[in-house]
Amino acid sequence: MMVVVIFASFFTLLILAVPIAMAMGFSTILPALIDPSFSGNLEFVVRSMIKGVDTTSILAIPLFMLSGAIMATGGLSRKLFDVFAVFIGKIKGGMPCAVVVTCLFYGAISGSGPATCAAVGTMCIPFLYSLGYDKVWSAALVATAGGLGVIIPPSIPFISYGLVTDTSVGDMFTAGILPGCLIALCLMAYVQYHCRVKGEDREKIESHYSELRSRGVLTVIKDGFWALLTPVIILGGIYSGIVTPTEAACVSVFYAILVCLFIYKTVKVKDLLGFFREGVKTYAPLGMMLALAQAFMKVLVLLNAPQTIAHFLSENITSKVLFLFVLNLVMFLLGMVLDVGPAIMIFAPMLLPFARTMGIDAVHLGIIMTVNLAAGFVTPPFGMNLFVAAPLIQSRPMTVGKTALPLIAWYCVALMLITYIPAISLCLL
C-alpha cells in the first residue's frame, strides 16, 4: 500500500508541475513522515544520496555535457552537415537525409537529445526551409532525429542506467551503435517516401549542391575532418581499452576546447568560463536527481517494492513476448511525461530483476528502455525536443508534434525490431 502512495504522490506532484527533483525528494521521505518508526528516515535518505553518487563514473555526465555545449557553439554541426550533404545531397530526399545523419553523428558528440536538436536544428531547419521544404515538417524531422542523441554513444542515459543497475557503461555504449543506426535508416526511409510523394524544389537543391561541390569535395572533408574525428577519438578510446568512459569524457572536453579554440577558432578563451558556469547550472539538477534516485530506490527496497512488482508481473505475465510488449507500451507512455534520465533511474532497478528471470539481458533491457523513452522527446504533450524545435520556426510544440507522427511511426518500426531481435543490440558485445 505504501508503494502505491509513494508513486501516487510522485505523479500527482508532476501533474501539478512540481520540479522532478522536488517531487522525487518528497516521495522519498513520505514513508518516514507517515510512519516515524520506518527505518528509511531522513538520515537514511541523506546517507543513501551521498553513497549513491560517490563514484567516479558519475563525472562522465557533466563532462560530456560540457564538451557537447562547447562543440555546439563551435559550429561543428554545420561542418558535419556539409560533409554528408556533399555525398548524398543530390539524390531524392538527400538533404533531409543528410540532416538525419548529422543528428546521428552529432549524438556521438553531445550525448543529449535536446542538445542535438538545438545544435542541428538552429542551422538545418532554416536551411531546409530555404530549399523549399515545409518548415514545420523540417522542425519535426530534426526533433525526431534529435532523439538519436541519447541512443548513439556516448549517451548520458546509458551512463545513468549503468550507475543505477551496476551494468557496464562501455557495454551500453557498444550496444547502442546498431540500434541508433537502424533508427536513422528507418527515418531516412520515411524521408525518401515523403519527398517522392510531396515532391521537392529540385532547382533550389541543385543550386545549393552545385555551390557546395564548387568548394571541392576534399576541401569540405578537410574542413569537417576535426568534427568527424570527435566520435572516433571518444569511442575508439573506450572500445580499445585505452580510456574508461569517464576518462573519455575528460578527453572530449579538452578536445572540444582545442578544436574550437585553436583550429576552427569559433570560440574564444573568455567564453570558456561561461561554458563552465552553464555546465554547472545544467548538471546540478541532474546530479540532484541522480542522488535522490539512489535514495528513492533504497526506500523502495525497504518497502519490498521490487519483490512486489516481480510477484505481480510473474502472476500476470508469463510470456517474454508479452512482457516486452507491455514494457514498450509503459515506457512509451512514461516518455510522454517523464524525461529519459529520471525514468531510467526510477524504473530500471525495479524492472531488471524480473527481466532477468525472463532471460532478458541487462544491456538489452537498457537499450529497449532508452529507445522507448527517447521517443518521448518528440511525443506530445511534453516532448522536450518539441519545445526546442518549435521556437525555431515560431510555431507551437503541438503543431510540430502532430507533423512528427509519421516519423514516430517509423521510429516505432525500428523499436519493435530492436525489442524482439536482441542481436541488434548485443551482437557487437
Protein backbone atom coordinates (compact mmCIF):
# COMPACT_ATOMS: atom_id res chain seq x y z
CA MET A 1 0.00 0.00 0.00
CA MET A 2 2.81 2.41 0.90
CA VAL A 3 4.40 1.84 -2.54
CA VAL A 4 1.15 2.92 -4.21
CA VAL A 5 1.04 6.04 -2.02
CA ILE A 6 4.64 6.93 -2.96
CA PHE A 7 4.06 6.66 -6.72
CA ALA A 8 0.67 8.37 -6.48
CA SER A 9 2.27 11.33 -4.70
CA PHE A 10 5.14 11.42 -7.19
CA PHE A 11 2.94 11.55 -10.29
CA THR A 12 0.46 13.92 -8.64
CA LEU A 13 3.29 16.38 -7.98
CA LEU A 14 4.47 16.02 -11.59
CA ILE A 15 0.97 16.81 -12.84
CA LEU A 16 0.99 19.90 -10.61
CA ALA A 17 4.20 21.00 -12.39
CA VAL A 18 6.45 20.48 -9.36
CA PRO A 19 10.10 20.03 -10.48
CA ILE A 20 11.04 16.36 -10.82
CA ALA A 21 13.81 16.52 -8.21
CA MET A 22 11.45 18.04 -5.62
CA ALA A 23 8.71 15.53 -6.44
CA MET A 24 11.14 12.65 -6.08
CA GLY A 25 12.58 14.06 -2.86
CA PHE A 26 9.17 14.44 -1.23
CA SER A 27 8.10 10.96 -2.30
CA THR A 28 11.34 9.55 -0.87
CA ILE A 29 10.79 10.95 2.63
CA LEU A 30 6.99 10.44 2.59
CA PRO A 31 7.05 6.95 4.22
CA ALA A 32 9.05 8.33 7.18
CA LEU A 33 6.61 11.24 7.51
CA ILE A 34 3.66 8.83 7.60
CA ASP A 35 5.36 6.29 9.87
CA PRO A 36 8.10 7.78 12.13
CA SER A 37 9.28 4.27 13.04
CA PHE A 38 10.13 3.49 9.39
CA SER A 39 13.87 2.79 9.02
CA GLY A 40 14.12 4.89 5.86
CA ASN A 41 14.21 8.16 7.78
CA LEU A 42 15.79 11.44 6.72
CA GLU A 43 19.24 10.39 7.94
CA PHE A 44 19.00 7.18 5.90
CA VAL A 45 17.94 9.16 2.82
CA VAL A 46 20.86 11.60 3.11
CA ARG A 47 23.37 8.76 3.57
CA SER A 48 21.92 6.94 0.57
CA MET A 49 22.14 10.08 -1.57
CA ILE A 50 25.80 10.63 -0.72
CA LYS A 51 26.75 6.98 -1.15
CA GLY A 52 24.80 6.72 -4.40
CA VAL A 53 26.83 9.40 -6.17
CA ASP A 54 30.17 8.56 -4.54
CA THR A 55 31.62 7.14 -7.76
CA THR A 56 33.93 8.49 -10.43
CA SER A 57 31.62 7.16 -13.18
CA ILE A 58 29.17 9.95 -12.48
CA LEU A 59 31.75 12.52 -13.60
CA ALA A 60 31.26 11.37 -17.20
CA ILE A 61 27.82 13.01 -17.32
CA PRO A 62 28.79 16.68 -16.69
CA LEU A 63 31.97 16.30 -18.76
CA PHE A 64 30.11 15.01 -21.84
CA MET A 65 27.51 17.75 -21.35
CA LEU A 66 30.28 20.38 -21.20
CA SER A 67 32.08 19.14 -24.32
CA GLY A 68 28.78 18.98 -26.21
CA ALA A 69 27.97 22.59 -25.28
CA ILE A 70 31.40 23.80 -26.43
CA MET A 71 31.14 21.96 -29.75
CA ALA A 72 27.60 23.21 -30.33
CA THR A 73 28.76 26.82 -30.01
CA GLY A 74 31.81 25.94 -32.09
CA GLY A 75 29.60 25.21 -35.10
CA LEU A 76 30.55 21.56 -35.57
CA SER A 77 27.01 20.66 -36.68
CA ARG A 78 27.35 22.80 -39.85
CA LYS A 79 30.67 21.22 -40.76
CA LEU A 80 29.25 17.73 -40.27
CA PHE A 81 26.21 18.55 -42.39
CA ASP A 82 28.32 19.86 -45.27
CA VAL A 83 30.35 16.63 -45.34
CA PHE A 84 27.25 14.43 -45.57
CA ALA A 85 25.41 16.77 -47.94
CA VAL A 86 28.26 16.76 -50.45
CA PHE A 87 27.88 12.99 -50.80
CA ILE A 88 24.10 12.40 -50.64
CA GLY A 89 22.61 15.87 -51.12
CA LYS A 90 21.88 15.41 -54.81
CA ILE A 91 19.69 12.30 -54.54
CA LYS A 92 15.94 12.42 -53.92
CA GLY A 93 15.45 13.47 -50.31
CA GLY A 94 19.21 13.73 -49.92
CA MET A 95 19.32 17.00 -48.00
CA PRO A 96 16.83 15.90 -45.28
CA CYS A 97 18.64 12.55 -45.10
CA ALA A 98 21.88 14.47 -44.53
CA VAL A 99 20.14 16.17 -41.59
CA VAL A 100 19.30 12.76 -40.08
CA VAL A 101 22.90 11.57 -40.49
CA THR A 102 24.13 14.83 -38.96
CA CYS A 103 21.93 14.20 -35.90
CA LEU A 104 23.32 10.67 -35.74
CA PHE A 105 26.92 11.85 -35.73
CA TYR A 106 26.24 14.84 -33.50
CA GLY A 107 24.69 12.50 -30.97
CA ALA A 108 28.12 10.89 -30.71
CA ILE A 109 29.39 14.31 -29.62
CA SER A 110 26.70 15.63 -27.29
CA GLY A 111 25.12 12.53 -25.68
CA SER A 112 21.90 14.53 -25.29
CA GLY A 113 18.67 14.61 -27.31
CA PRO A 114 17.70 18.26 -26.71
CA ALA A 115 21.31 19.39 -27.27
CA THR A 116 21.42 17.54 -30.59
CA CYS A 117 18.06 19.01 -31.60
CA ALA A 118 19.16 22.54 -30.69
CA ALA A 119 22.59 22.41 -32.33
CA VAL A 120 21.45 20.77 -35.57
CA GLY A 121 18.05 22.46 -35.69
CA THR A 122 19.38 26.00 -35.39
CA MET A 123 21.35 25.50 -38.59
CA CYS A 124 19.37 22.87 -40.53
CA ILE A 125 15.74 23.96 -40.11
CA PRO A 126 16.21 27.40 -41.78
CA PHE A 127 18.39 25.73 -44.40
CA LEU A 128 15.76 23.11 -45.32
CA TYR A 129 13.10 25.82 -45.43
CA SER A 130 15.28 27.85 -47.82
CA LEU A 131 15.38 24.79 -50.11
CA GLY A 132 11.58 24.66 -50.29
CA TYR A 133 10.78 22.10 -47.60
CA ASP A 134 7.87 22.82 -45.27
CA LYS A 135 9.26 24.48 -42.14
CA VAL A 136 7.00 22.56 -39.73
CA TRP A 137 7.98 19.26 -41.34
CA SER A 138 11.65 20.29 -41.16
CA ALA A 139 11.29 21.03 -37.44
CA ALA A 140 9.51 17.70 -36.88
CA LEU A 141 12.32 15.86 -38.69
CA VAL A 142 15.05 17.46 -36.59
CA ALA A 143 13.07 16.98 -33.36
CA THR A 144 12.63 13.26 -34.08
CA ALA A 145 16.17 12.65 -35.30
CA GLY A 146 17.46 14.61 -32.32
CA GLY A 147 16.38 11.68 -30.13
CA LEU A 148 19.34 9.78 -31.58
CA GLY A 149 21.48 11.88 -29.25
CA VAL A 150 20.64 9.58 -26.31
CA ILE A 151 20.93 6.33 -28.26
CA ILE A 152 24.22 6.78 -30.10
CA PRO A 153 27.12 6.64 -27.63
CA PRO A 154 28.29 8.44 -25.63
CA SER A 155 24.79 8.63 -24.18
CA ILE A 156 24.06 10.30 -20.85
CA PRO A 157 21.05 7.99 -20.13
CA PHE A 158 23.30 4.97 -20.78
CA ILE A 159 25.63 6.25 -18.06
CA SER A 160 22.69 6.76 -15.69
CA TYR A 161 21.42 3.23 -16.44
CA GLY A 162 24.85 1.78 -15.76
CA LEU A 163 25.07 3.62 -12.44
CA VAL A 164 21.67 2.52 -11.07
CA THR A 165 21.81 -1.10 -12.34
CA ASP A 166 25.55 -1.79 -11.98
CA THR A 167 25.80 -2.53 -15.72
CA SER A 168 28.93 -1.82 -17.75
CA VAL A 169 28.68 1.63 -19.31
CA GLY A 170 31.12 0.53 -22.01
CA ASP A 171 28.81 -2.35 -22.94
CA MET A 172 25.86 0.04 -23.07
CA PHE A 173 27.80 2.34 -25.40
CA THR A 174 28.70 -0.56 -27.71
CA ALA A 175 25.15 -1.90 -27.72
CA GLY A 176 23.70 1.48 -28.71
CA ILE A 177 25.56 1.75 -32.04
CA LEU A 178 23.46 -0.56 -34.25
CA PRO A 179 20.06 0.43 -32.76
CA GLY A 180 20.90 4.09 -33.38
CA CYS A 181 21.91 3.36 -36.98
CA LEU A 182 18.73 1.29 -37.52
CA ILE A 183 16.51 4.13 -36.30
CA ALA A 184 18.36 6.57 -38.55
CA LEU A 185 17.81 4.25 -41.55
CA CYS A 186 14.08 3.98 -40.78
CA LEU A 187 13.77 7.77 -40.56
CA MET A 188 15.66 8.15 -43.83
CA ALA A 189 13.34 5.61 -45.48
CA TYR A 190 10.37 7.75 -44.49
CA VAL A 191 12.15 10.90 -45.72
CA GLN A 192 12.65 9.24 -49.11
CA TYR A 193 8.97 8.29 -49.27
CA HIS A 194 7.82 11.75 -48.15
CA CYS A 195 9.97 13.56 -50.71
CA ARG A 196 8.80 11.31 -53.55
CA VAL A 197 5.13 11.84 -52.66
CA LYS A 198 5.27 15.55 -51.78
CA GLY A 199 7.97 16.48 -54.27
CA GLU A 200 10.95 18.81 -53.93
CA ASP A 201 12.19 22.08 -55.37
CA ARG A 202 14.96 20.46 -57.38
CA GLU A 203 16.13 23.78 -58.81
CA LYS A 204 16.99 25.19 -55.38
CA ILE A 205 18.52 21.91 -54.26
CA GLU A 206 20.67 21.60 -57.38
CA SER A 207 21.79 25.20 -56.97
CA HIS A 208 22.93 24.70 -53.40
CA TYR A 209 24.52 21.34 -54.18
CA SER A 210 26.50 22.87 -57.04
CA GLU A 211 27.66 25.63 -54.71
CA LEU A 212 28.75 23.06 -52.16
CA ARG A 213 30.56 20.94 -54.76
CA SER A 214 32.29 24.04 -56.13
CA ARG A 215 34.22 24.25 -52.86
CA GLY A 216 35.68 20.87 -53.70
CA VAL A 217 34.89 17.55 -52.02
CA LEU A 218 38.32 17.33 -50.42
CA THR A 219 38.03 20.86 -49.08
CA VAL A 220 34.67 20.11 -47.48
CA ILE A 221 36.01 16.89 -45.94
CA LYS A 222 39.13 18.67 -44.74
CA ASP A 223 37.02 21.41 -43.17
CA GLY A 224 34.88 18.82 -41.35
CA PHE A 225 37.73 16.44 -40.52
CA TRP A 226 38.15 17.51 -36.89
CA ALA A 227 34.39 17.28 -36.31
CA LEU A 228 34.29 13.79 -37.84
CA LEU A 229 37.26 12.76 -35.73
CA THR A 230 35.45 13.52 -32.45
CA PRO A 231 33.44 10.26 -32.12
CA VAL A 232 36.44 8.31 -33.38
CA ILE A 233 38.61 9.62 -30.54
CA ILE A 234 35.93 9.26 -27.86
CA LEU A 235 34.53 5.85 -28.82
CA GLY A 236 37.79 4.50 -30.20
CA GLY A 237 39.50 5.25 -26.89
CA ILE A 238 36.76 3.45 -24.94
CA TYR A 239 36.48 0.36 -27.16
CA SER A 240 40.25 -0.05 -27.46
CA GLY A 241 40.56 -0.04 -23.69
CA ILE A 242 42.87 2.97 -23.65
CA VAL A 243 40.45 5.03 -21.56
CA THR A 244 37.36 4.41 -19.45
CA PRO A 245 34.10 6.21 -20.32
CA THR A 246 34.84 8.75 -17.57
CA GLU A 247 38.35 9.37 -18.88
CA ALA A 248 36.97 9.61 -22.42
CA ALA A 249 34.58 12.31 -21.22
CA CYS A 250 37.52 14.27 -19.85
CA VAL A 251 39.38 13.82 -23.13
CA SER A 252 36.32 15.06 -25.04
CA VAL A 253 36.33 18.34 -23.08
CA PHE A 254 39.99 19.04 -23.84
CA TYR A 255 39.48 18.03 -27.47
CA ALA A 256 36.45 20.33 -27.79
CA ILE A 257 38.42 23.26 -26.38
CA LEU A 258 41.43 22.62 -28.62
CA VAL A 259 39.39 22.21 -31.81
CA CYS A 260 37.01 25.13 -31.26
CA LEU A 261 39.63 27.45 -29.77
CA PHE A 262 42.70 26.86 -31.95
CA ILE A 263 41.62 25.02 -35.13
CA TYR A 264 38.17 26.36 -36.05
CA LYS A 265 38.64 29.49 -33.90
CA THR A 266 34.89 29.71 -33.31
CA VAL A 267 35.26 30.01 -29.53
CA LYS A 268 37.34 32.49 -27.55
CA VAL A 269 39.20 31.98 -24.27
CA LYS A 270 36.87 34.41 -22.49
CA ASP A 271 33.90 32.20 -23.48
CA LEU A 272 35.20 29.19 -21.56
CA LEU A 273 34.22 30.50 -18.13
CA GLY A 274 30.67 30.92 -19.39
CA PHE A 275 30.64 27.30 -20.61
CA PHE A 276 31.86 26.07 -17.21
CA ARG A 277 29.26 28.18 -15.40
CA GLU A 278 26.41 26.96 -17.62
CA GLY A 279 27.69 23.39 -17.35
CA VAL A 280 27.38 23.52 -13.56
CA LYS A 281 23.90 25.06 -13.77
CA THR A 282 22.76 22.39 -16.22
CA TYR A 283 24.24 19.46 -14.33
CA ALA A 284 23.21 20.50 -10.80
CA PRO A 285 19.52 19.47 -11.19
CA LEU A 286 20.51 16.22 -12.91
CA GLY A 287 23.08 15.46 -10.20
CA MET A 288 20.45 16.05 -7.53
CA MET A 289 18.06 13.72 -9.35
CA LEU A 290 20.74 11.02 -9.55
CA ALA A 291 21.35 11.26 -5.81
CA LEU A 292 17.63 11.29 -5.00
CA ALA A 293 17.01 8.37 -7.37
CA GLN A 294 19.55 6.29 -5.43
CA ALA A 295 17.82 7.13 -2.14
CA PHE A 296 14.38 6.61 -3.72
CA MET A 297 15.34 3.08 -4.77
CA LYS A 298 16.78 2.28 -1.33
CA VAL A 299 13.48 3.31 0.28
CA LEU A 300 11.54 1.19 -2.23
CA VAL A 301 13.79 -1.77 -1.41
CA LEU A 302 12.97 -1.33 2.30
CA LEU A 303 9.31 -1.45 1.31
CA ASN A 304 9.91 -4.62 -0.78
CA ALA A 305 8.71 -2.80 -3.90
CA PRO A 306 10.92 -4.77 -6.36
CA GLN A 307 9.66 -8.08 -4.95
CA THR A 308 6.06 -6.85 -5.04
CA ILE A 309 6.39 -5.76 -8.66
CA ALA A 310 8.15 -9.00 -9.61
CA HIS A 311 5.38 -11.01 -7.91
CA PHE A 312 2.68 -9.03 -9.70
CA LEU A 313 4.38 -9.46 -13.07
CA SER A 314 5.02 -13.17 -12.59
CA GLU A 315 1.35 -13.76 -11.76
CA ASN A 316 0.01 -11.78 -14.71
CA ILE A 317 2.71 -12.10 -17.37
CA THR A 318 4.19 -15.48 -18.21
CA SER A 319 5.35 -14.78 -21.76
CA LYS A 320 8.56 -12.96 -22.63
CA VAL A 321 6.92 -11.60 -25.79
CA LEU A 322 4.02 -10.20 -23.78
CA PHE A 323 6.35 -8.70 -21.15
CA LEU A 324 8.37 -6.91 -23.83
CA PHE A 325 5.18 -5.58 -25.42
CA VAL A 326 3.87 -4.28 -22.07
CA LEU A 327 7.32 -2.84 -21.28
CA ASN A 328 7.33 -0.96 -24.58
CA LEU A 329 3.83 0.37 -24.02
CA VAL A 330 4.51 1.52 -20.46
CA MET A 331 7.88 3.10 -21.30
CA PHE A 332 6.43 4.85 -24.35
CA LEU A 333 3.64 6.35 -22.22
CA LEU A 334 6.08 7.33 -19.46
CA GLY A 335 8.25 9.03 -22.07
CA MET A 336 5.35 11.39 -22.76
CA VAL A 337 5.52 12.81 -19.23
CA LEU A 338 9.00 11.96 -17.89
CA ASP A 339 12.46 12.77 -19.16
CA VAL A 340 14.68 9.81 -20.09
CA GLY A 341 17.10 10.20 -17.17
CA PRO A 342 14.63 10.24 -14.25
CA ALA A 343 12.51 7.46 -15.79
CA ILE A 344 15.53 5.18 -16.12
CA MET A 345 16.77 5.99 -12.62
CA ILE A 346 13.40 5.13 -11.08
CA PHE A 347 12.19 2.13 -13.05
CA ALA A 348 15.29 0.32 -14.35
CA PRO A 349 16.36 -1.14 -10.96
CA MET A 350 12.80 -2.36 -10.32
CA LEU A 351 12.31 -3.99 -13.73
CA LEU A 352 15.75 -5.57 -14.12
CA PRO A 353 15.32 -8.48 -11.64
CA PHE A 354 12.12 -9.69 -13.32
CA ALA A 355 13.55 -9.10 -16.80
CA ARG A 356 16.46 -11.39 -15.91
CA THR A 357 14.06 -14.15 -14.87
CA MET A 358 12.58 -13.81 -18.36
CA GLY A 359 16.01 -14.29 -19.91
CA ILE A 360 16.40 -10.65 -20.97
CA ASP A 361 19.96 -9.35 -20.86
CA ALA A 362 20.54 -6.28 -18.68
CA VAL A 363 22.18 -4.41 -21.56
CA HIS A 364 19.29 -5.26 -23.91
CA LEU A 365 16.78 -4.02 -21.32
CA GLY A 366 18.67 -0.74 -21.05
CA ILE A 367 18.60 -0.26 -24.82
CA ILE A 368 14.87 -1.01 -25.01
CA MET A 369 14.07 1.43 -22.21
CA THR A 370 16.25 4.21 -23.62
CA VAL A 371 14.94 3.85 -27.18
CA ASN A 372 11.36 3.89 -25.89
CA LEU A 373 11.87 6.90 -23.67
CA ALA A 374 13.78 8.72 -26.41
CA ALA A 375 10.57 8.68 -28.45
CA GLY A 376 9.14 10.82 -25.66
CA PHE A 377 11.41 13.68 -26.80
CA VAL A 378 9.07 14.24 -29.71
CA THR A 379 5.79 12.83 -28.34
CA PRO A 380 3.11 15.31 -27.23
CA PRO A 381 2.28 16.75 -24.78
CA PHE A 382 5.66 17.19 -23.05
CA GLY A 383 8.22 16.14 -25.67
CA MET A 384 11.35 18.15 -24.84
CA ASN A 385 12.57 18.33 -28.45
CA LEU A 386 9.22 19.78 -29.50
CA PHE A 387 9.82 22.70 -27.14
CA VAL A 388 13.33 23.10 -28.55
CA ALA A 389 12.38 22.91 -32.24
CA ALA A 390 9.06 24.82 -32.20
CA PRO A 391 10.52 28.23 -31.22
CA LEU A 392 12.99 27.96 -34.10
CA ILE A 393 10.06 28.29 -36.52
CA GLN A 394 7.83 30.44 -34.28
CA SER A 395 5.29 27.62 -34.02
CA ARG A 396 3.55 25.69 -31.27
CA PRO A 397 5.01 22.42 -29.94
CA MET A 398 1.76 20.52 -30.57
CA THR A 399 1.81 21.61 -34.23
CA VAL A 400 5.29 20.17 -34.65
CA GLY A 401 4.28 17.07 -32.68
CA LYS A 402 1.33 16.31 -34.96
CA THR A 403 3.53 16.63 -38.03
CA ALA A 404 6.05 14.27 -36.42
CA LEU A 405 3.53 11.42 -36.04
CA PRO A 406 4.54 9.58 -39.27
CA LEU A 407 8.19 9.89 -38.24
CA ILE A 408 7.31 8.46 -34.81
CA ALA A 409 5.54 5.55 -36.53
CA TRP A 410 8.70 4.69 -38.47
CA TYR A 411 10.70 5.12 -35.27
CA CYS A 412 8.42 2.53 -33.67
CA VAL A 413 9.13 0.09 -36.51
CA ALA A 414 12.80 0.24 -35.56
CA LEU A 415 11.83 -0.05 -31.88
CA MET A 416 9.95 -3.31 -32.48
CA LEU A 417 12.92 -4.78 -34.35
CA ILE A 418 15.29 -3.73 -31.55
CA THR A 419 12.96 -5.20 -28.92
CA TYR A 420 12.37 -8.63 -30.46
CA ILE A 421 15.77 -9.14 -32.12
CA PRO A 422 18.27 -8.90 -29.25
CA ALA A 423 21.19 -9.47 -31.62
CA ILE A 424 20.76 -5.92 -32.97
CA SER A 425 21.88 -4.65 -29.57
CA LEU A 426 24.11 -7.46 -28.38
CA CYS A 427 26.00 -8.72 -31.43
CA LEU A 428 28.86 -6.21 -31.01
CA LEU A 429 29.49 -7.13 -27.35
